PDB file of N, CA and C in Angstrom:
ATOM      1  N   UNK A   1     -22.598   0.014   4.024  1.00  0.00           N
ATOM      2  CA  UNK A   1     -23.450  -0.273   2.891  1.00  0.00           C
ATOM      3  C   UNK A   1     -22.672  -1.017   1.808  1.00  0.00           C
ATOM      4  N   UNK A   2     -21.407  -0.629   1.588  1.00  0.00           N
ATOM      5  CA  UNK A   2     -20.588  -1.309   0.584  1.00  0.00           C
ATOM      6  C   UNK A   2     -20.426  -2.782   0.935  1.00  0.00           C
ATOM      7  N   UNK A   3     -20.229  -3.085   2.221  1.00  0.00           N
ATOM      8  CA  UNK A   3     -20.039  -4.465   2.641  1.00  0.00           C
ATOM      9  C   UNK A   3     -21.282  -5.292   2.330  1.00  0.00           C
ATOM     10  N   UNK A   4     -22.463  -4.738   2.556  1.00  0.00           N
ATOM     11  CA  UNK A   4     -23.714  -5.441   2.273  1.00  0.00           C
ATOM     12  C   UNK A   4     -23.832  -5.714   0.778  1.00  0.00           C
ATOM     13  N   UNK A   5     -23.469  -4.752  -0.044  1.00  0.00           N
ATOM     14  CA  UNK A   5     -23.534  -4.930  -1.489  1.00  0.00           C
ATOM     15  C   UNK A   5     -22.595  -6.054  -1.938  1.00  0.00           C
ATOM     16  N   UNK A   6     -21.407  -6.107  -1.371  1.00  0.00           N
ATOM     17  CA  UNK A   6     -20.436  -7.141  -1.725  1.00  0.00           C
ATOM     18  C   UNK A   6     -20.943  -8.521  -1.309  1.00  0.00           C
ATOM     19  N   UNK A   7     -21.546  -8.623  -0.132  1.00  0.00           N
ATOM     20  CA  UNK A   7     -22.124  -9.887   0.304  1.00  0.00           C
ATOM     21  C   UNK A   7     -23.228 -10.330  -0.653  1.00  0.00           C
ATOM     22  N   UNK A   8     -24.092  -9.405  -1.026  1.00  0.00           N
ATOM     23  CA  UNK A   8     -25.183  -9.741  -1.951  1.00  0.00           C
ATOM     24  C   UNK A   8     -24.638 -10.217  -3.298  1.00  0.00           C
ATOM     25  N   UNK A   9     -23.594  -9.560  -3.792  1.00  0.00           N
ATOM     26  CA  UNK A   9     -22.980  -9.985  -5.061  1.00  0.00           C
ATOM     27  C   UNK A   9     -22.403 -11.392  -4.941  1.00  0.00           C
ATOM     28  N   UNK A  10     -21.744 -11.672  -3.829  1.00  0.00           N
ATOM     29  CA  UNK A  10     -21.162 -13.002  -3.626  1.00  0.00           C
ATOM     30  C   UNK A  10     -22.259 -14.060  -3.511  1.00  0.00           C
ATOM     31  N   UNK A  11     -23.315 -13.745  -2.786  1.00  0.00           N
ATOM     32  CA  UNK A  11     -24.419 -14.702  -2.644  1.00  0.00           C
ATOM     33  C   UNK A  11     -25.120 -14.942  -3.974  1.00  0.00           C
ATOM     34  N   UNK A  12     -25.337 -13.874  -4.750  1.00  0.00           N
ATOM     35  CA  UNK A  12     -25.960 -14.033  -6.070  1.00  0.00           C
ATOM     36  C   UNK A  12     -25.084 -14.876  -6.993  1.00  0.00           C
ATOM     37  N   UNK A  13     -23.790 -14.651  -6.961  1.00  0.00           N
ATOM     38  CA  UNK A  13     -22.869 -15.439  -7.789  1.00  0.00           C
ATOM     39  C   UNK A  13     -22.896 -16.908  -7.375  1.00  0.00           C
ATOM     40  N   UNK A  14     -22.967 -17.165  -6.067  1.00  0.00           N
ATOM     41  CA  UNK A  14     -23.012 -18.541  -5.599  1.00  0.00           C
ATOM     42  C   UNK A  14     -24.313 -19.219  -6.024  1.00  0.00           C
ATOM     43  N   UNK A  15     -25.435 -18.518  -5.913  1.00  0.00           N
ATOM     44  CA  UNK A  15     -26.727 -19.084  -6.331  1.00  0.00           C
ATOM     45  C   UNK A  15     -26.693 -19.406  -7.827  1.00  0.00           C
ATOM     46  N   UNK A  16     -26.091 -18.526  -8.625  1.00  0.00           N
ATOM     47  CA  UNK A  16     -25.952 -18.802 -10.066  1.00  0.00           C
ATOM     48  C   UNK A  16     -25.078 -20.033 -10.297  1.00  0.00           C
ATOM     49  N   UNK A  17     -24.005 -20.149  -9.510  1.00  0.00           N
ATOM     50  CA  UNK A  17     -23.129 -21.316  -9.614  1.00  0.00           C
ATOM     51  C   UNK A  17     -23.907 -22.605  -9.322  1.00  0.00           C
ATOM     52  N   UNK A  18     -24.714 -22.588  -8.262  1.00  0.00           N
ATOM     53  CA  UNK A  18     -25.501 -23.767  -7.894  1.00  0.00           C
ATOM     54  C   UNK A  18     -26.499 -24.105  -9.000  1.00  0.00           C
ATOM     55  N   UNK A  19     -27.164 -23.086  -9.550  1.00  0.00           N
ATOM     56  CA  UNK A  19     -28.137 -23.320 -10.622  1.00  0.00           C
ATOM     57  C   UNK A  19     -27.453 -23.904 -11.856  1.00  0.00           C
ATOM     58  N   UNK A  20     -26.274 -23.364 -12.211  1.00  0.00           N
ATOM     59  CA  UNK A  20     -25.535 -23.880 -13.359  1.00  0.00           C
ATOM     60  C   UNK A  20     -25.080 -25.314 -13.103  1.00  0.00           C
ATOM     61  N   UNK A  21     -24.601 -25.577 -11.903  1.00  0.00           N
ATOM     62  CA  UNK A  21     -24.171 -26.933 -11.553  1.00  0.00           C
ATOM     63  C   UNK A  21     -25.334 -27.915 -11.664  1.00  0.00           C
ATOM     64  N   UNK A  22     -26.513 -27.506 -11.153  1.00  0.00           N
ATOM     65  CA  UNK A  22     -27.693 -28.375 -11.220  1.00  0.00           C
ATOM     66  C   UNK A  22     -28.169 -28.570 -12.658  1.00  0.00           C
ATOM     67  N   UNK A  23     -27.944 -27.582 -13.521  1.00  0.00           N
ATOM     68  CA  UNK A  23     -28.328 -27.723 -14.930  1.00  0.00           C
ATOM     69  C   UNK A  23     -27.397 -28.698 -15.650  1.00  0.00           C
ATOM     70  N   UNK A  24     -26.107 -28.648 -15.295  1.00  0.00           N
ATOM     71  CA  UNK A  24     -25.136 -29.527 -15.953  1.00  0.00           C
ATOM     72  C   UNK A  24     -25.168 -30.951 -15.389  1.00  0.00           C
ATOM     73  N   UNK A  25     -25.409 -31.062 -14.090  1.00  0.00           N
ATOM     74  CA  UNK A  25     -25.480 -32.367 -13.429  1.00  0.00           C
ATOM     75  C   UNK A  25     -26.819 -32.416 -12.687  1.00  0.00           C
ATOM     76  N   UNK A  26     -27.891 -32.785 -13.368  1.00  0.00           N
ATOM     77  CA  UNK A  26     -29.216 -32.790 -12.730  1.00  0.00           C
ATOM     78  C   UNK A  26     -29.242 -33.684 -11.496  1.00  0.00           C
ATOM     79  N   UNK A  27     -29.775 -33.151 -10.388  1.00  0.00           N
ATOM     80  CA  UNK A  27     -29.802 -33.921  -9.130  1.00  0.00           C
ATOM     81  C   UNK A  27     -30.574 -35.241  -9.248  1.00  0.00           C
ATOM     82  N   UNK A  28     -31.572 -35.300 -10.108  1.00  0.00           N
ATOM     83  CA  UNK A  28     -32.351 -36.543 -10.205  1.00  0.00           C
ATOM     84  C   UNK A  28     -31.551 -37.687 -10.834  1.00  0.00           C
ATOM     85  N   UNK A  29     -30.391 -37.380 -11.434  1.00  0.00           N
ATOM     86  CA  UNK A  29     -29.548 -38.417 -12.023  1.00  0.00           C
ATOM     87  C   UNK A  29     -28.498 -38.932 -11.032  1.00  0.00           C
ATOM     88  N   UNK A  30     -28.450 -38.329  -9.833  1.00  0.00           N
ATOM     89  CA  UNK A  30     -27.441 -38.710  -8.842  1.00  0.00           C
ATOM     90  C   UNK A  30     -28.044 -39.602  -7.768  1.00  0.00           C
ATOM     91  N   UNK A  31     -27.163 -40.271  -7.064  1.00  0.00           N
ATOM     92  CA  UNK A  31     -27.557 -41.078  -5.910  1.00  0.00           C
ATOM     93  C   UNK A  31     -28.023 -40.131  -4.801  1.00  0.00           C
ATOM     94  N   UNK A  32     -28.999 -40.533  -4.018  1.00  0.00           N
ATOM     95  CA  UNK A  32     -29.574 -39.684  -2.968  1.00  0.00           C
ATOM     96  C   UNK A  32     -28.523 -39.232  -1.963  1.00  0.00           C
ATOM     97  N   UNK A  33     -27.545 -40.075  -1.661  1.00  0.00           N
ATOM     98  CA  UNK A  33     -26.497 -39.682  -0.708  1.00  0.00           C
ATOM     99  C   UNK A  33     -25.621 -38.570  -1.293  1.00  0.00           C
ATOM    100  N   UNK A  34     -25.354 -38.632  -2.610  1.00  0.00           N
ATOM    101  CA  UNK A  34     -24.578 -37.582  -3.275  1.00  0.00           C
ATOM    102  C   UNK A  34     -25.346 -36.263  -3.293  1.00  0.00           C
ATOM    103  N   UNK A  35     -26.654 -36.344  -3.544  1.00  0.00           N
ATOM    104  CA  UNK A  35     -27.488 -35.140  -3.553  1.00  0.00           C
ATOM    105  C   UNK A  35     -27.509 -34.507  -2.161  1.00  0.00           C
ATOM    106  N   UNK A  36     -27.650 -35.319  -1.124  1.00  0.00           N
ATOM    107  CA  UNK A  36     -27.658 -34.811   0.255  1.00  0.00           C
ATOM    108  C   UNK A  36     -26.314 -34.171   0.613  1.00  0.00           C
ATOM    109  N   UNK A  37     -25.225 -34.808   0.210  1.00  0.00           N
ATOM    110  CA  UNK A  37     -23.891 -34.261   0.492  1.00  0.00           C
ATOM    111  C   UNK A  37     -23.693 -32.928  -0.223  1.00  0.00           C
ATOM    112  N   UNK A  38     -24.146 -32.850  -1.497  1.00  0.00           N
ATOM    113  CA  UNK A  38     -24.013 -31.608  -2.253  1.00  0.00           C
ATOM    114  C   UNK A  38     -24.876 -30.506  -1.652  1.00  0.00           C
ATOM    115  N   UNK A  39     -26.098 -30.852  -1.250  1.00  0.00           N
ATOM    116  CA  UNK A  39     -26.987 -29.875  -0.621  1.00  0.00           C
ATOM    117  C   UNK A  39     -26.384 -29.355   0.682  1.00  0.00           C
ATOM    118  N   UNK A  40     -25.810 -30.245   1.484  1.00  0.00           N
ATOM    119  CA  UNK A  40     -25.175 -29.827   2.736  1.00  0.00           C
ATOM    120  C   UNK A  40     -23.988 -28.909   2.457  1.00  0.00           C
ATOM    121  N   UNK A  41     -23.187 -29.241   1.442  1.00  0.00           N
ATOM    122  CA  UNK A  41     -22.043 -28.394   1.081  1.00  0.00           C
ATOM    123  C   UNK A  41     -22.519 -27.022   0.601  1.00  0.00           C
ATOM    124  N   UNK A  42     -23.592 -26.991  -0.195  1.00  0.00           N
ATOM    125  CA  UNK A  42     -24.136 -25.723  -0.695  1.00  0.00           C
ATOM    126  C   UNK A  42     -24.661 -24.859   0.449  1.00  0.00           C
ATOM    127  N   UNK A  43     -25.378 -25.472   1.386  1.00  0.00           N
ATOM    128  CA  UNK A  43     -25.901 -24.724   2.538  1.00  0.00           C
ATOM    129  C   UNK A  43     -24.746 -24.190   3.383  1.00  0.00           C
ATOM    130  N   UNK A  44     -23.729 -25.006   3.579  1.00  0.00           N
ATOM    131  CA  UNK A  44     -22.560 -24.591   4.356  1.00  0.00           C
ATOM    132  C   UNK A  44     -21.863 -23.398   3.704  1.00  0.00           C
ATOM    133  N   UNK A  45     -21.668 -23.455   2.384  1.00  0.00           N
ATOM    134  CA  UNK A  45     -21.009 -22.365   1.673  1.00  0.00           C
ATOM    135  C   UNK A  45     -21.856 -21.096   1.731  1.00  0.00           C
ATOM    136  N   UNK A  46     -23.163 -21.232   1.553  1.00  0.00           N
ATOM    137  CA  UNK A  46     -24.065 -20.084   1.616  1.00  0.00           C
ATOM    138  C   UNK A  46     -23.951 -19.404   2.979  1.00  0.00           C
ATOM    139  N   UNK A  47     -23.945 -20.195   4.048  1.00  0.00           N
ATOM    140  CA  UNK A  47     -23.823 -19.649   5.407  1.00  0.00           C
ATOM    141  C   UNK A  47     -22.468 -18.982   5.626  1.00  0.00           C
ATOM    142  N   UNK A  48     -21.404 -19.582   5.086  1.00  0.00           N
ATOM    143  CA  UNK A  48     -20.073 -18.984   5.239  1.00  0.00           C
ATOM    144  C   UNK A  48     -20.007 -17.627   4.554  1.00  0.00           C
ATOM    145  N   UNK A  49     -20.556 -17.530   3.348  1.00  0.00           N
ATOM    146  CA  UNK A  49     -20.561 -16.242   2.637  1.00  0.00           C
ATOM    147  C   UNK A  49     -21.377 -15.222   3.420  1.00  0.00           C
ATOM    148  N   UNK A  50     -22.548 -15.640   3.889  1.00  0.00           N
ATOM    149  CA  UNK A  50     -23.442 -14.722   4.584  1.00  0.00           C
ATOM    150  C   UNK A  50     -22.874 -14.267   5.927  1.00  0.00           C
ATOM    151  N   UNK A  51     -22.151 -15.117   6.615  1.00  0.00           N
ATOM    152  CA  UNK A  51     -21.663 -14.797   7.959  1.00  0.00           C
ATOM    153  C   UNK A  51     -20.236 -14.271   8.003  1.00  0.00           C
ATOM    154  N   UNK A  52     -19.567 -14.213   6.877  1.00  0.00           N
ATOM    155  CA  UNK A  52     -18.198 -13.706   6.844  1.00  0.00           C
ATOM    156  C   UNK A  52     -18.222 -12.184   6.924  1.00  0.00           C
ATOM    157  N   UNK A  53     -17.450 -11.632   7.845  1.00  0.00           N
ATOM    158  CA  UNK A  53     -17.431 -10.169   8.014  1.00  0.00           C
ATOM    159  C   UNK A  53     -16.690  -9.486   6.872  1.00  0.00           C
ATOM    160  N   UNK A  54     -15.558 -10.041   6.454  1.00  0.00           N
ATOM    161  CA  UNK A  54     -14.735  -9.426   5.426  1.00  0.00           C
ATOM    162  C   UNK A  54     -14.534 -10.414   4.289  1.00  0.00           C
ATOM    163  N   UNK A  55     -15.087 -10.072   3.128  1.00  0.00           N
ATOM    164  CA  UNK A  55     -14.928 -10.959   1.976  1.00  0.00           C
ATOM    165  C   UNK A  55     -13.600 -10.724   1.264  1.00  0.00           C
ATOM    166  N   UNK A  56     -13.040  -9.534   1.414  1.00  0.00           N
ATOM    167  CA  UNK A  56     -11.733  -9.235   0.846  1.00  0.00           C
ATOM    168  C   UNK A  56     -10.697  -9.292   1.958  1.00  0.00           C
ATOM    169  N   UNK A  57      -9.485  -9.755   1.651  1.00  0.00           N
ATOM    170  CA  UNK A  57      -8.469  -9.814   2.701  1.00  0.00           C
ATOM    171  C   UNK A  57      -8.080  -8.411   3.164  1.00  0.00           C
ATOM    172  N   UNK A  58      -7.807  -8.272   4.440  1.00  0.00           N
ATOM    173  CA  UNK A  58      -7.359  -7.001   4.990  1.00  0.00           C
ATOM    174  C   UNK A  58      -5.870  -7.084   5.240  1.00  0.00           C
ATOM    175  N   UNK A  59      -5.174  -6.047   4.837  1.00  0.00           N
ATOM    176  CA  UNK A  59      -3.738  -5.994   5.073  1.00  0.00           C
ATOM    177  C   UNK A  59      -3.466  -4.904   6.103  1.00  0.00           C
ATOM    178  N   UNK A  60      -2.375  -5.049   6.808  1.00  0.00           N
ATOM    179  CA  UNK A  60      -1.979  -4.060   7.796  1.00  0.00           C
ATOM    180  C   UNK A  60      -1.627  -2.758   7.092  1.00  0.00           C
ATOM    181  N   UNK A  61      -2.158  -1.654   7.579  1.00  0.00           N
ATOM    182  CA  UNK A  61      -1.843  -0.334   7.038  1.00  0.00           C
ATOM    183  C   UNK A  61      -1.081   0.425   8.108  1.00  0.00           C
ATOM    184  N   UNK A  62       0.209   0.720   7.864  1.00  0.00           N
ATOM    185  CA  UNK A  62       0.982   1.445   8.870  1.00  0.00           C
ATOM    186  C   UNK A  62       0.422   2.859   9.060  1.00  0.00           C
ATOM    187  N   UNK A  63       0.378   3.301  10.296  1.00  0.00           N
ATOM    188  CA  UNK A  63      -0.091   4.646  10.601  1.00  0.00           C
ATOM    189  C   UNK A  63       0.923   5.306  11.522  1.00  0.00           C
ATOM    190  N   UNK A  64       1.281   6.527  11.191  1.00  0.00           N
ATOM    191  CA  UNK A  64       2.250   7.263  11.972  1.00  0.00           C
ATOM    192  C   UNK A  64       2.196   8.708  11.505  1.00  0.00           C
ATOM    193  N   UNK A  65       2.688   9.615  12.315  1.00  0.00           N
ATOM    194  CA  UNK A  65       2.709  11.019  11.928  1.00  0.00           C
ATOM    195  C   UNK A  65       4.100  11.393  11.440  1.00  0.00           C
ATOM    196  N   UNK A  66       4.627  10.651  10.498  1.00  0.00           N
ATOM    197  CA  UNK A  66       5.973  10.888  10.019  1.00  0.00           C
ATOM    198  C   UNK A  66       6.009  10.818   8.501  1.00  0.00           C
ATOM    199  N   UNK A  67       6.999  11.463   7.930  1.00  0.00           N
ATOM    200  CA  UNK A  67       7.108  11.488   6.477  1.00  0.00           C
ATOM    201  C   UNK A  67       7.629  10.178   5.899  1.00  0.00           C
ATOM    202  N   UNK A  68       8.054   9.244   6.742  1.00  0.00           N
ATOM    203  CA  UNK A  68       8.509   7.961   6.212  1.00  0.00           C
ATOM    204  C   UNK A  68       7.339   7.103   5.721  1.00  0.00           C
ATOM    205  N   UNK A  69       6.121   7.438   6.122  1.00  0.00           N
ATOM    206  CA  UNK A  69       4.961   6.637   5.731  1.00  0.00           C
ATOM    207  C   UNK A  69       4.743   6.531   4.223  1.00  0.00           C
ATOM    208  N   UNK A  70       4.894   7.615   3.467  1.00  0.00           N
ATOM    209  CA  UNK A  70       4.672   7.452   2.018  1.00  0.00           C
ATOM    210  C   UNK A  70       5.541   6.368   1.401  1.00  0.00           C
ATOM    211  N   UNK A  71       6.772   6.211   1.881  1.00  0.00           N
ATOM    212  CA  UNK A  71       7.661   5.195   1.308  1.00  0.00           C
ATOM    213  C   UNK A  71       7.149   3.800   1.651  1.00  0.00           C
ATOM    214  N   UNK A  72       6.574   3.647   2.844  1.00  0.00           N
ATOM    215  CA  UNK A  72       5.986   2.352   3.194  1.00  0.00           C
ATOM    216  C   UNK A  72       4.756   2.086   2.322  1.00  0.00           C
ATOM    217  N   UNK A  73       3.951   3.120   2.105  1.00  0.00           N
ATOM    218  CA  UNK A  73       2.769   2.973   1.255  1.00  0.00           C
ATOM    219  C   UNK A  73       3.176   2.651  -0.186  1.00  0.00           C
ATOM    220  N   UNK A  74       4.287   3.196  -0.648  1.00  0.00           N
ATOM    221  CA  UNK A  74       4.734   2.966  -2.021  1.00  0.00           C
ATOM    222  C   UNK A  74       5.178   1.524  -2.241  1.00  0.00           C
ATOM    223  N   UNK A  75       5.572   0.828  -1.175  1.00  0.00           N
ATOM    224  CA  UNK A  75       6.052  -0.547  -1.295  1.00  0.00           C
ATOM    225  C   UNK A  75       4.944  -1.533  -1.645  1.00  0.00           C
ATOM    226  N   UNK A  76       3.703  -1.210  -1.274  1.00  0.00           N
ATOM    227  CA  UNK A  76       2.578  -2.117  -1.490  1.00  0.00           C
ATOM    228  C   UNK A  76       1.563  -1.436  -2.396  1.00  0.00           C
ATOM    229  N   UNK A  77       1.307  -2.015  -3.550  1.00  0.00           N
ATOM    230  CA  UNK A  77       0.387  -1.385  -4.505  1.00  0.00           C
ATOM    231  C   UNK A  77      -1.022  -1.235  -3.931  1.00  0.00           C
ATOM    232  N   UNK A  78      -1.385  -2.063  -2.944  1.00  0.00           N
ATOM    233  CA  UNK A  78      -2.691  -1.912  -2.295  1.00  0.00           C
ATOM    234  C   UNK A  78      -2.785  -0.612  -1.502  1.00  0.00           C
ATOM    235  N   UNK A  79      -1.637  -0.034  -1.164  1.00  0.00           N
ATOM    236  CA  UNK A  79      -1.613   1.180  -0.347  1.00  0.00           C
ATOM    237  C   UNK A  79      -1.256   2.425  -1.156  1.00  0.00           C
ATOM    238  N   UNK A  80      -1.135   2.315  -2.476  1.00  0.00           N
ATOM    239  CA  UNK A  80      -0.761   3.477  -3.288  1.00  0.00           C
ATOM    240  C   UNK A  80      -1.760   4.618  -3.129  1.00  0.00           C
ATOM    241  N   UNK A  81      -3.038   4.297  -2.924  1.00  0.00           N
ATOM    242  CA  UNK A  81      -4.019   5.371  -2.742  1.00  0.00           C
ATOM    243  C   UNK A  81      -3.703   6.193  -1.491  1.00  0.00           C
ATOM    244  N   UNK A  82      -3.075   5.586  -0.489  1.00  0.00           N
ATOM    245  CA  UNK A  82      -2.692   6.323   0.714  1.00  0.00           C
ATOM    246  C   UNK A  82      -1.503   7.230   0.431  1.00  0.00           C
ATOM    247  N   UNK A  83      -0.588   6.759  -0.416  1.00  0.00           N
ATOM    248  CA  UNK A  83       0.537   7.593  -0.861  1.00  0.00           C
ATOM    249  C   UNK A  83      -0.005   8.821  -1.577  1.00  0.00           C
ATOM    250  N   UNK A  84      -0.940   8.598  -2.500  1.00  0.00           N
ATOM    251  CA  UNK A  84      -1.542   9.704  -3.265  1.00  0.00           C
ATOM    252  C   UNK A  84      -2.283  10.649  -2.326  1.00  0.00           C
ATOM    253  N   UNK A  85      -2.949  10.098  -1.337  1.00  0.00           N
ATOM    254  CA  UNK A  85      -3.688  10.929  -0.380  1.00  0.00           C
ATOM    255  C   UNK A  85      -2.741  11.850   0.394  1.00  0.00           C
ATOM    256  N   UNK A  86      -1.544  11.349   0.726  1.00  0.00           N
ATOM    257  CA  UNK A  86      -0.595  12.157   1.493  1.00  0.00           C
ATOM    258  C   UNK A  86       0.157  13.157   0.621  1.00  0.00           C
ATOM    259  N   UNK A  87       0.573  12.724  -0.578  1.00  0.00           N
ATOM    260  CA  UNK A  87       1.466  13.558  -1.395  1.00  0.00           C
ATOM    261  C   UNK A  87       0.821  14.092  -2.675  1.00  0.00           C
ATOM    262  N   UNK A  88      -0.405  13.707  -2.944  1.00  0.00           N
ATOM    263  CA  UNK A  88      -1.186  14.211  -4.096  1.00  0.00           C
ATOM    264  C   UNK A  88      -0.602  13.829  -5.450  1.00  0.00           C
ATOM    265  N   UNK A  89       0.283  12.870  -5.503  1.00  0.00           N
ATOM    266  CA  UNK A  89       0.799  12.302  -6.761  1.00  0.00           C
ATOM    267  C   UNK A  89       1.034  10.817  -6.541  1.00  0.00           C
ATOM    268  N   UNK A  90       1.100  10.076  -7.629  1.00  0.00           N
ATOM    269  CA  UNK A  90       1.366   8.641  -7.520  1.00  0.00           C
ATOM    270  C   UNK A  90       2.837   8.406  -7.164  1.00  0.00           C
ATOM    271  N   UNK A  91       3.171   7.230  -6.661  1.00  0.00           N
ATOM    272  CA  UNK A  91       4.578   6.932  -6.358  1.00  0.00           C
ATOM    273  C   UNK A  91       5.479   7.068  -7.588  1.00  0.00           C
ATOM    274  N   UNK A  92       4.986   6.679  -8.756  1.00  0.00           N
ATOM    275  CA  UNK A  92       5.797   6.801  -9.972  1.00  0.00           C
ATOM    276  C   UNK A  92       6.075   8.260 -10.307  1.00  0.00           C
ATOM    277  N   UNK A  93       5.056   9.107 -10.271  1.00  0.00           N
ATOM    278  CA  UNK A  93       5.238  10.533 -10.560  1.00  0.00           C
ATOM    279  C   UNK A  93       6.185  11.146  -9.546  1.00  0.00           C
ATOM    280  N   UNK A  94       6.029  10.781  -8.271  1.00  0.00           N
ATOM    281  CA  UNK A  94       6.917  11.322  -7.247  1.00  0.00           C
ATOM    282  C   UNK A  94       8.361  10.896  -7.493  1.00  0.00           C
ATOM    283  N   UNK A  95       8.571   9.661  -7.909  1.00  0.00           N
ATOM    284  CA  UNK A  95       9.938   9.189  -8.201  1.00  0.00           C
ATOM    285  C   UNK A  95      10.566   9.980  -9.345  1.00  0.00           C
ATOM    286  N   UNK A  96       9.772  10.284 -10.354  1.00  0.00           N
ATOM    287  CA  UNK A  96      10.283  11.085 -11.484  1.00  0.00           C
ATOM    288  C   UNK A  96      10.658  12.485 -11.002  1.00  0.00           C
ATOM    289  N   UNK A  97       9.776  13.116 -10.223  1.00  0.00           N
ATOM    290  CA  UNK A  97      10.067  14.448  -9.688  1.00  0.00           C
ATOM    291  C   UNK A  97      11.328  14.404  -8.824  1.00  0.00           C
ATOM    292  N   UNK A  98      11.435  13.381  -7.996  1.00  0.00           N
ATOM    293  CA  UNK A  98      12.611  13.219  -7.140  1.00  0.00           C
ATOM    294  C   UNK A  98      13.881  13.097  -7.983  1.00  0.00           C
ATOM    295  N   UNK A  99      13.823  12.299  -9.031  1.00  0.00           N
ATOM    296  CA  UNK A  99      14.978  12.120  -9.911  1.00  0.00           C
ATOM    297  C   UNK A  99      15.364  13.433 -10.601  1.00  0.00           C
ATOM    298  N   UNK A 100      14.384  14.195 -11.028  1.00  0.00           N
ATOM    299  CA  UNK A 100      14.648  15.445 -11.748  1.00  0.00           C
ATOM    300  C   UNK A 100      15.157  16.557 -10.839  1.00  0.00           C
ATOM    301  N   UNK A 101      14.846  16.509  -9.561  1.00  0.00           N
ATOM    302  CA  UNK A 101      15.207  17.610  -8.663  1.00  0.00           C
ATOM    303  C   UNK A 101      16.314  17.281  -7.668  1.00  0.00           C
ATOM    304  N   UNK A 102      16.779  16.059  -7.621  1.00  0.00           N
ATOM    305  CA  UNK A 102      17.723  15.667  -6.562  1.00  0.00           C
ATOM    306  C   UNK A 102      19.047  16.430  -6.598  1.00  0.00           C
ATOM    307  N   UNK A 103      19.457  16.925  -7.746  1.00  0.00           N
ATOM    308  CA  UNK A 103      20.721  17.650  -7.840  1.00  0.00           C
ATOM    309  C   UNK A 103      20.557  19.164  -7.768  1.00  0.00           C
ATOM    310  N   UNK A 104      19.379  19.630  -7.479  1.00  0.00           N
ATOM    311  CA  UNK A 104      19.136  21.074  -7.407  1.00  0.00           C
ATOM    312  C   UNK A 104      19.902  21.677  -6.230  1.00  0.00           C
ATOM    313  N   UNK A 105      20.346  22.934  -6.379  1.00  0.00           N
ATOM    314  CA  UNK A 105      21.141  23.592  -5.349  1.00  0.00           C
ATOM    315  C   UNK A 105      20.406  23.756  -4.023  1.00  0.00           C
ATOM    316  N   UNK A 106      19.107  23.793  -4.049  1.00  0.00           N
ATOM    317  CA  UNK A 106      18.357  23.966  -2.812  1.00  0.00           C
ATOM    318  C   UNK A 106      18.585  22.788  -1.857  1.00  0.00           C
ATOM    319  N   UNK A 107      19.005  21.648  -2.387  1.00  0.00           N
ATOM    320  CA  UNK A 107      19.247  20.476  -1.554  1.00  0.00           C
ATOM    321  C   UNK A 107      20.703  20.332  -1.128  1.00  0.00           C
ATOM    322  N   UNK A 108      21.498  21.379  -1.287  1.00  0.00           N
ATOM    323  CA  UNK A 108      22.910  21.350  -0.894  1.00  0.00           C
ATOM    324  C   UNK A 108      23.164  22.464   0.106  1.00  0.00           C
ATOM    325  N   UNK A 109      24.146  22.250   0.981  1.00  0.00           N
ATOM    326  CA  UNK A 109      24.525  23.310   1.917  1.00  0.00           C
ATOM    327  C   UNK A 109      26.039  23.450   1.924  1.00  0.00           C
ATOM    328  N   UNK A 110      26.484  24.550   2.467  1.00  0.00           N
ATOM    329  CA  UNK A 110      27.925  24.824   2.526  1.00  0.00           C
ATOM    330  C   UNK A 110      28.436  24.756   3.963  1.00  0.00           C
ATOM    331  N   UNK A 111      27.744  24.051   4.811  1.00  0.00           N
ATOM    332  CA  UNK A 111      28.165  23.955   6.206  1.00  0.00           C
ATOM    333  C   UNK A 111      29.021  22.709   6.422  1.00  0.00           C
ATOM    334  N   UNK A 112      29.519  22.577   7.633  1.00  0.00           N
ATOM    335  CA  UNK A 112      30.310  21.403   7.980  1.00  0.00           C
ATOM    336  C   UNK A 112      29.433  20.194   8.302  1.00  0.00           C
ATOM    337  N   UNK A 113      28.147  20.417   8.409  1.00  0.00           N
ATOM    338  CA  UNK A 113      27.205  19.329   8.679  1.00  0.00           C
ATOM    339  C   UNK A 113      26.756  18.764   7.340  1.00  0.00           C
ATOM    340  N   UNK A 114      26.952  17.486   7.178  1.00  0.00           N
ATOM    341  CA  UNK A 114      26.615  16.895   5.877  1.00  0.00           C
ATOM    342  C   UNK A 114      25.106  16.899   5.654  1.00  0.00           C
ATOM    343  N   UNK A 115      24.751  17.097   4.429  1.00  0.00           N
ATOM    344  CA  UNK A 115      23.352  17.124   4.015  1.00  0.00           C
ATOM    345  C   UNK A 115      22.900  15.693   3.719  1.00  0.00           C
ATOM    346  N   UNK A 116      21.690  15.340   4.156  1.00  0.00           N
ATOM    347  CA  UNK A 116      21.147  14.022   3.825  1.00  0.00           C
ATOM    348  C   UNK A 116      20.853  13.968   2.339  1.00  0.00           C
ATOM    349  N   UNK A 117      21.093  12.831   1.713  1.00  0.00           N
ATOM    350  CA  UNK A 117      20.806  12.728   0.286  1.00  0.00           C
ATOM    351  C   UNK A 117      19.308  12.839   0.019  1.00  0.00           C
ATOM    352  N   UNK A 118      18.967  13.353  -1.159  1.00  0.00           N
ATOM    353  CA  UNK A 118      17.580  13.495  -1.550  1.00  0.00           C
ATOM    354  C   UNK A 118      17.163  12.195  -2.226  1.00  0.00           C
ATOM    355  N   UNK A 119      16.667  11.264  -1.427  1.00  0.00           N
ATOM    356  CA  UNK A 119      16.180   9.987  -1.938  1.00  0.00           C
ATOM    357  C   UNK A 119      15.024   9.537  -1.067  1.00  0.00           C
ATOM    358  N   UNK A 120      14.251   8.653  -1.600  1.00  0.00           N
ATOM    359  CA  UNK A 120      13.214   8.048  -0.771  1.00  0.00           C
ATOM    360  C   UNK A 120      13.884   6.997   0.088  1.00  0.00           C
ATOM    361  N   UNK A 121      13.279   6.660   1.189  1.00  0.00           N
ATOM    362  CA  UNK A 121      13.876   5.641   2.061  1.00  0.00           C
ATOM    363  C   UNK A 121      13.790   4.261   1.446  1.00  0.00           C
ATOM    364  N   UNK A 122      13.025   4.133   0.320  1.00  0.00           N
ATOM    365  CA  UNK A 122      12.939   2.837  -0.353  1.00  0.00           C
ATOM    366  C   UNK A 122      14.073   2.654  -1.351  1.00  0.00           C
ATOM    367  N   UNK A 123      14.858   3.703  -1.599  1.00  0.00           N
ATOM    368  CA  UNK A 123      15.947   3.594  -2.576  1.00  0.00           C
ATOM    369  C   UNK A 123      17.252   3.275  -1.907  1.00  0.00           C
TER     370      UNK A 123
END
């Protein structure tokens, strides 16, 4: 349903554009060949808008069952909503929390196995 609404908005905007263009440059003042060329271009554009499946560009969205995904989502502002969906906070809020907690004792161990640093994979 959203896609249909977007198509209708684009078509309405184009029709308004054509009406405004015709008001500023009345067709009766143009040569018949120019009017025919403009009409053909308008019909072509109308058909392209109507027949286009996606009016907004689609970007690749990485999908995986791993915790590295939020960092990939944080890299692209178009995907921040996916970061929020996974971690329930924005990338900026998460970075602040990460900065404030990275030196906490819970992230340190006393074993011979080194502890991974508390950072995002984007840092």
